[in-house]
Amino acid sequence: MNERHEEIEDPLHAIVGTDKPPVIAPGHTFSTVTDKISSIVLTRKTSLGWYAGFGFSFLLTLMLFASVSYLFVKGIGIWGNCYGIGIGMSSWQVIASPPLAPGAYRVVAFDRPQPELEYRNPEAMRAYEGKGPVVRIAGGQTEHVRLQVISSSE
């Protein structure tokens, strides 16, 4: 465990008796090798194409940052999924919705999408209290409801 290692006087020379060639050829040092390699990169001028590619990539990164920031500020409604929970088929006037949690729901139908409607705000929804029936849903229940379409002018 107490092996004593002899220090190598010149680490740039081959180790005697190991048959290993030197890491750096004679006449060179780490500094000369570094200078030779870096001169290839540092003496050439940066091309115009590189600047164009970098600028385009930078603009895309800024767009990503702006989009994610807008998403955090406004919420996931920016993706267009804030129109309620149903999908209407105008030819049959049937609405199919994903499974809902048990509870009471007021069901209203508009003649066009209402992206500005704050349907989670009870104050905003008070204006529609008499406009549609209240449906009580239990687990696994299916309900059929007949609705009057609310015109955008109302």
Protein backbone atom coordinates (compact mmCIF):
# COMPACT_ATOMS: atom_id res chain seq x y z
CA MET A 1 0.00 0.00 0.00
CA ASN A 2 2.91 2.31 0.66
CA GLU A 3 4.22 2.17 -2.87
CA ARG A 4 6.53 4.97 -3.71
CA HIS A 5 6.19 6.48 -7.16
CA GLU A 6 9.10 8.18 -8.77
CA GLU A 7 8.35 11.54 -10.30
CA ILE A 8 9.06 11.90 -13.97
CA GLU A 9 11.48 14.71 -14.59
CA ASP A 10 10.18 15.61 -18.06
CA PRO A 11 6.59 14.43 -18.72
CA LEU A 12 6.99 15.22 -22.42
CA HIS A 13 9.46 12.36 -22.97
CA ALA A 14 8.60 8.73 -23.33
CA ILE A 15 8.68 6.65 -20.20
CA VAL A 16 11.78 4.55 -20.36
CA GLY A 17 11.22 0.82 -20.39
CA THR A 18 7.50 0.90 -21.23
CA ASP A 19 7.78 0.94 -25.02
CA LYS A 20 5.22 3.78 -25.15
CA PRO A 21 5.85 6.57 -27.64
CA PRO A 22 5.74 10.13 -26.37
CA VAL A 23 2.31 11.82 -26.34
CA ILE A 24 3.66 14.94 -28.00
CA ALA A 25 6.20 14.68 -30.77
CA PRO A 26 9.68 16.07 -30.13
CA GLY A 27 9.96 19.79 -30.76
CA HIS A 28 6.38 20.53 -29.63
CA THR A 29 4.85 21.54 -26.33
CA PHE A 30 1.25 21.67 -25.19
CA SER A 31 1.30 25.35 -26.02
CA THR A 32 2.50 24.88 -29.64
CA VAL A 33 -0.09 22.16 -30.25
CA THR A 34 -2.86 24.36 -28.82
CA ASP A 35 -1.74 27.31 -30.94
CA LYS A 36 -1.71 25.15 -34.09
CA ILE A 37 -5.23 23.80 -33.52
CA SER A 38 -6.80 27.08 -32.40
CA SER A 39 -5.26 29.02 -35.29
CA ILE A 40 -7.44 27.02 -37.69
CA VAL A 41 -10.60 28.25 -35.97
CA LEU A 42 -9.53 31.70 -34.84
CA THR A 43 -7.97 33.01 -38.05
CA ARG A 44 -10.99 32.39 -40.28
CA LYS A 45 -13.65 35.08 -40.51
CA THR A 46 -17.20 34.15 -39.44
CA SER A 47 -19.33 33.64 -42.53
CA LEU A 48 -22.50 35.57 -43.32
CA GLY A 49 -24.46 32.30 -43.39
CA TRP A 50 -23.52 31.62 -39.79
CA TYR A 51 -24.85 35.02 -38.74
CA ALA A 52 -28.08 34.44 -40.71
CA GLY A 53 -28.58 31.01 -39.12
CA PHE A 54 -27.85 32.33 -35.66
CA GLY A 55 -30.25 35.26 -36.15
CA PHE A 56 -33.04 32.96 -37.37
CA SER A 57 -32.50 30.56 -34.45
CA PHE A 58 -32.49 33.48 -32.03
CA LEU A 59 -35.81 34.75 -33.43
CA LEU A 60 -37.36 31.29 -33.07
CA THR A 61 -36.14 31.14 -29.48
CA LEU A 62 -37.71 34.56 -28.79
CA MET A 63 -41.00 33.37 -30.32
CA LEU A 64 -40.92 30.30 -28.08
CA PHE A 65 -40.28 32.47 -25.02
CA ALA A 66 -43.10 34.86 -25.97
CA SER A 67 -45.53 31.98 -26.60
CA VAL A 68 -44.77 30.26 -23.29
CA SER A 69 -45.01 33.59 -21.44
CA TYR A 70 -48.38 34.32 -23.07
CA LEU A 71 -49.53 30.81 -22.13
CA PHE A 72 -48.61 31.37 -18.47
CA VAL A 73 -50.34 34.77 -18.40
CA LYS A 74 -53.55 33.86 -20.27
CA GLY A 75 -53.91 30.14 -19.55
CA ILE A 76 -54.52 27.17 -21.81
CA GLY A 77 -57.51 28.91 -23.41
CA ILE A 78 -55.14 30.37 -26.00
CA TRP A 79 -55.25 26.96 -27.70
CA GLY A 80 -58.95 27.38 -28.44
CA ASN A 81 -60.23 24.88 -25.90
CA CYS A 82 -62.29 27.37 -23.91
CA TYR A 83 -65.57 26.88 -25.78
CA GLY A 84 -67.15 24.61 -23.20
CA ILE A 85 -67.21 20.86 -22.93
CA GLY A 86 -69.47 19.75 -25.77
CA ILE A 87 -69.19 19.19 -29.49
CA GLY A 88 -72.31 20.08 -31.46
CA MET A 89 -73.53 18.50 -34.67
CA SER A 90 -75.80 21.02 -36.35
CA SER A 91 -77.61 18.56 -38.63
CA TRP A 92 -79.06 16.56 -35.71
CA GLN A 93 -78.49 19.17 -33.02
CA VAL A 94 -76.94 16.54 -30.80
CA ILE A 95 -74.18 17.38 -28.34
CA ALA A 96 -71.82 14.74 -27.06
CA SER A 97 -69.57 15.58 -24.14
CA PRO A 98 -66.77 13.78 -22.36
CA PRO A 99 -67.64 12.17 -19.01
CA LEU A 100 -68.53 14.78 -16.40
CA ALA A 101 -68.08 14.72 -12.66
CA PRO A 102 -71.35 14.14 -10.79
CA GLY A 103 -73.17 17.40 -10.04
CA ALA A 104 -75.59 20.00 -11.38
CA TYR A 105 -74.89 21.78 -14.67
CA ARG A 106 -76.76 24.56 -16.49
CA VAL A 107 -76.77 23.78 -20.21
CA VAL A 108 -76.94 26.63 -22.72
CA ALA A 109 -76.48 26.73 -26.49
CA PHE A 110 -75.20 29.71 -28.47
CA ASP A 111 -75.50 30.33 -32.20
CA ARG A 112 -71.72 30.83 -32.47
CA PRO A 113 -68.61 30.28 -30.29
CA GLN A 114 -68.28 32.61 -27.31
CA PRO A 115 -64.52 32.85 -26.66
CA GLU A 116 -64.93 35.82 -24.30
CA LEU A 117 -67.55 34.11 -22.11
CA GLU A 118 -66.19 33.56 -18.60
CA TYR A 119 -68.12 30.32 -18.01
CA ARG A 120 -66.23 29.61 -14.75
CA ASN A 121 -67.23 32.98 -13.28
CA PRO A 122 -70.60 32.75 -11.44
CA GLU A 123 -71.17 36.50 -11.84
CA ALA A 124 -70.81 36.31 -15.62
CA MET A 125 -73.07 33.25 -15.85
CA ARG A 126 -75.93 34.88 -13.88
CA ALA A 127 -77.08 36.53 -17.11
CA TYR A 128 -77.92 33.05 -18.45
CA GLU A 129 -79.79 31.70 -15.39
CA GLY A 130 -83.17 31.45 -17.11
CA LYS A 131 -81.79 30.56 -20.55
CA GLY A 132 -81.19 26.82 -20.17
CA PRO A 133 -82.20 23.85 -18.05
CA VAL A 134 -80.22 22.60 -15.06
CA VAL A 135 -79.17 18.98 -15.53
CA ARG A 136 -78.17 16.82 -12.59
CA ILE A 137 -75.65 14.14 -13.50
CA ALA A 138 -74.78 11.05 -11.49
CA GLY A 139 -71.88 8.70 -12.23
CA GLY A 140 -72.28 6.88 -15.58
CA GLN A 141 -75.59 8.61 -16.38
CA THR A 142 -76.67 9.67 -19.86
CA GLU A 143 -79.02 12.63 -20.22
CA HIS A 144 -80.95 13.99 -23.22
CA VAL A 145 -81.79 17.71 -23.17
CA ARG A 146 -83.69 19.93 -25.63
CA LEU A 147 -82.23 23.46 -25.82
CA GLN A 148 -83.19 26.85 -27.23
CA VAL A 149 -80.30 28.49 -29.11
CA ILE A 150 -79.24 31.82 -27.65
CA SER A 151 -78.63 34.40 -30.36
CA SER A 152 -75.45 36.52 -30.14
CA SER A 153 -77.61 39.62 -30.23
CA GLU A 154 -79.19 38.71 -26.85
